[in-house]
Amino acid sequence: MKKRIFAAVITAMMTVSMAVSAFAADIESDLIGKFTFDENITNAVTGEDAKIIAQKGLGPDAAAVEYTFPFVDGVDGKALHLGTDTTGAANTNALNLNLKVKDDQNYTFSVWVKAFEERVNFACPVVWMGKAVQSPENWVGIWPGLAGDYANGPCFGANGIIDSSEVVTRLGAVPLTDEGLGIKKPVNAEVKTTFEWTNITAVVKDGIAWLYYDGKLVASTEGKNGTNGDQQLTPHVNEDDTVSIYLGANYWDAPFVGYVDDLYIYDRALTTEDVVALVTETNKAGVALGDYSEYVTTTTIDYTKKPSINKNPDWVQEEEDSMLVPIIIAAAVVVVLVVVIVLVLVVSKSKKKDDAEEDAEDTNA
């Protein structure tokens, strides 16, 4: 009897475990770049070091320079200090990561950033992917803030050509207190180009961009190009052999000044569960996560340049499916518990029957 009940419980536990595992977050698949910056600039996936370059003159032929980056305490071990050398003097060196995503319509950039230099018309990316010659402009990137009307804190930016039309996308979280910020920043809106440790994750799925702060979805280009509810797509940037991903540099601007830690690059679009798991996994220092309840999920787009694009609802469905995960797991647990109870009752009833038959045999004897 006890052995049967024990076996039933073990079976139930295995079933629950498999049900939970089926919906577990995945932060390992299609990972092509993992830079922890623990006193090194090595890609933990390939074992290769990034190339140190001067801040401008990008491209695979940009000459490597001799330089030692300073490292500081980060969210997970050490972090890279950009914009300043070991003596505290300004420095414009950056990194060519020698990477590019295989599909420029499906990928993820995730990085911890601390920015502490306030600037007017701040326009230097933390992570930037583009070609060596920017004429016409063709790039995507994560920025601590963008120039002019779009300077309002961490955002995802893209410039490029879609169906012969130039597309300019600026995707950022919009404080509800700044009315009208969904289109462009009002003249008197607060410019936020300095901030404490924040995880910034940009996910692109079928060309649609999603922006997360500390694992919280704060903005998306889904259904937003200003016409007919079509999606705002990011441009193709891989149509050139000179495309690479850079840290702390782009083709034109002054260097990013701040700390960078745990940069992850994926050849796929992470789900919301994946992003949350990645933030949790990398936040070893227990950095306080931000409260973004007062931010509206929206986008800032230049409506004067509209592409000809097709709607793709796949990501919406994936997001809806992800919301069902807790419900499915709970239902699986309930089903397993019911099965266990039924098994226990059946075994108990069988035992009572056996005992009754034994008593009857003893009486007859």
Foldseek 3Di string as FASTA:
>chain_A
DVVLLVVLVVVLVVLLVVLLVVLAFDQDPQWDAKAFPQQFQAGPVVRDHWFKAAQAQAFPPGDGDDAGFDWDQDLFHIWTFAQAHPVRHGGRIWTFRQDDFPDPQFKKKKWKWFADDDDAQDQWFQKKKAFRDPVPHFIKGWHQAHHDFTQAGIWIWGWDDFPNFIWTWTFDWAFPVQPPPLATGPPPDDGGSGDGIWMWMWGGHRQKIWIDILLHTRAIQQQDLPPPSAGDGGDDRPPDPGITMIGQHDHDDGGGGTIMGTIIMGNGGGASSNSNVVSVVSSNVPPDGDDSPRIHHHTHTDNVTGHDDGHDCVVVVVNVVSVCSVVSSVVSSVVSVVVSVVSVVVVVVVVVVVVVVVVVVVVVD
